[in-house]
Amino acid sequence: MATKLDKDLTRETTVKVNEREVILTLTADQNINMKLKGMKSGHVSVPIKEVYDQLTGGDSQPAEGGVGKLKVGNESDMISLQDLRHRFNVSDLPYESIVQVDMIIVELLKERNVKRK
């Protein structure tokens, strides 16, 4: 059984950005914080629920096909954010930029879906 996230949990990852490891913190207030090791600036924070909703399309169940799928409209409207990132050549950008691109894509898809109704 998993333990409750009631205090901050910090780990140094093996992921390197600009030659520095990413420090990841899961916080008691249910956020994911990231920063580069040894840097005071460049701190990124996002609520865990927002990440989950982003990856699952807001459903209580993960989208069919696993992480990285965005559900828009009905079941036939599945779009892989990884495929979109690859097509737009943003996979090698800094993580903060990739997240911003993902958010723009999601908003555009939501607007498109509303207009189609």
Protein backbone atom coordinates (compact mmCIF):
# COMPACT_ATOMS: atom_id res chain seq x y z
CA MET A 1 0.00 0.00 0.00
CA ALA A 2 1.29 3.45 -0.87
CA THR A 3 1.87 6.08 1.79
CA LYS A 4 0.06 9.43 1.75
CA LEU A 5 1.93 12.42 0.41
CA ASP A 6 1.71 14.46 3.61
CA LYS A 7 5.25 15.85 3.61
CA ASP A 8 7.62 16.98 0.86
CA LEU A 9 9.58 14.27 -0.92
CA THR A 10 12.67 15.45 -2.85
CA ARG A 11 14.81 13.37 -5.20
CA GLU A 12 17.69 14.10 -7.56
CA THR A 13 16.93 12.60 -10.96
CA THR A 14 19.36 11.19 -13.51
CA VAL A 15 17.78 13.47 -16.13
CA LYS A 16 20.17 16.23 -17.17
CA VAL A 17 19.20 19.60 -18.62
CA ASN A 18 22.00 22.01 -19.52
CA GLU A 19 24.48 19.59 -17.91
CA ARG A 20 22.63 19.73 -14.55
CA GLU A 21 20.45 17.10 -12.90
CA VAL A 22 16.79 17.92 -12.32
CA ILE A 23 15.72 18.05 -8.67
CA LEU A 24 12.14 16.82 -8.31
CA THR A 25 9.97 17.52 -5.27
CA LEU A 26 6.50 16.13 -4.63
CA THR A 27 5.01 18.54 -2.11
CA ALA A 28 2.53 18.03 0.70
CA ASP A 29 0.25 20.57 -1.00
CA GLN A 30 0.08 18.18 -3.98
CA ASN A 31 2.37 19.95 -6.44
CA ILE A 32 5.32 18.77 -8.51
CA ASN A 33 8.28 21.14 -8.25
CA MET A 34 11.34 20.93 -10.48
CA LYS A 35 14.57 22.87 -10.59
CA LEU A 36 18.05 22.37 -11.90
CA LYS A 37 20.60 21.23 -9.32
CA GLY A 38 22.58 24.15 -7.94
CA MET A 39 20.32 26.81 -9.45
CA LYS A 40 18.11 29.18 -7.48
CA SER A 41 16.19 30.40 -10.53
CA GLY A 42 14.30 28.34 -13.08
CA HIS A 43 11.94 26.76 -10.55
CA VAL A 44 8.89 25.09 -12.15
CA SER A 45 5.78 24.06 -10.22
CA VAL A 46 2.57 22.39 -11.39
CA PRO A 47 -0.33 20.82 -9.45
CA ILE A 48 -0.37 17.01 -9.64
CA LYS A 49 -4.04 17.07 -10.67
CA GLU A 50 -3.27 19.42 -13.57
CA VAL A 51 -0.60 17.04 -14.88
CA TYR A 52 -2.98 14.08 -14.53
CA ASP A 53 -5.80 15.95 -16.29
CA GLN A 54 -3.41 17.04 -19.04
CA LEU A 55 -2.32 13.47 -19.72
CA THR A 56 -5.74 11.87 -19.46
CA GLY A 57 -7.98 14.53 -20.93
CA GLY A 58 -9.52 15.20 -17.52
CA ASP A 59 -11.08 11.78 -17.08
CA SER A 60 -10.92 9.85 -13.85
CA GLN A 61 -9.44 6.94 -15.81
CA PRO A 62 -6.25 7.13 -17.90
CA ALA A 63 -6.91 7.40 -21.62
CA GLU A 64 -6.73 4.17 -23.57
CA GLY A 65 -3.20 3.68 -24.82
CA GLY A 66 -1.60 5.04 -21.66
CA VAL A 67 0.18 8.22 -20.70
CA GLY A 68 0.64 10.97 -23.24
CA LYS A 69 -2.74 10.72 -24.93
CA LEU A 70 -5.16 13.61 -24.91
CA LYS A 71 -8.85 12.84 -25.17
CA VAL A 72 -10.78 15.38 -27.20
CA GLY A 73 -14.43 14.79 -27.97
CA ASN A 74 -15.37 11.17 -28.58
CA GLU A 75 -13.24 8.00 -28.45
CA SER A 76 -12.08 8.37 -32.06
CA ASP A 77 -10.46 11.73 -31.26
CA MET A 78 -7.29 10.49 -29.55
CA ILE A 79 -4.18 12.55 -30.13
CA SER A 80 -0.70 11.71 -28.89
CA LEU A 81 1.00 14.79 -27.47
CA GLN A 82 4.32 13.06 -28.06
CA ASP A 83 3.49 12.74 -31.79
CA LEU A 84 2.54 16.42 -31.95
CA ARG A 85 5.76 17.44 -30.18
CA HIS A 86 7.75 15.33 -32.61
CA ARG A 87 5.98 16.82 -35.66
CA PHE A 88 6.63 20.35 -34.43
CA ASN A 89 10.23 19.51 -33.42
CA VAL A 90 9.81 20.68 -29.83
CA SER A 91 10.98 17.49 -28.10
CA ASP A 92 14.50 18.89 -27.67
CA LEU A 93 13.38 22.21 -26.18
CA PRO A 94 13.71 22.94 -22.46
CA TYR A 95 11.00 21.22 -20.39
CA GLU A 96 9.27 24.52 -19.54
CA SER A 97 8.88 25.28 -23.26
CA ILE A 98 7.51 21.79 -23.97
CA VAL A 99 4.90 22.25 -21.24
CA GLN A 100 3.90 25.62 -22.70
CA VAL A 101 3.55 24.07 -26.17
CA ASP A 102 1.45 21.24 -24.69
CA MET A 103 -0.84 23.75 -22.97
CA ILE A 104 -1.27 25.72 -26.21
CA ILE A 105 -2.07 22.52 -28.13
CA VAL A 106 -4.62 21.46 -25.51
CA GLU A 107 -6.35 24.86 -25.58
CA LEU A 108 -6.46 24.86 -29.38
CA LEU A 109 -7.94 21.36 -29.42
CA LYS A 110 -10.52 22.30 -26.81
CA GLU A 111 -11.52 25.39 -28.83
CA ARG A 112 -11.74 23.29 -31.99
CA ASN A 113 -13.91 20.73 -30.22
CA VAL A 114 -16.28 23.44 -28.91
CA LYS A 115 -16.64 24.94 -32.40
CA ARG A 116 -17.43 21.49 -33.89
CA LYS A 117 -20.41 20.98 -31.55
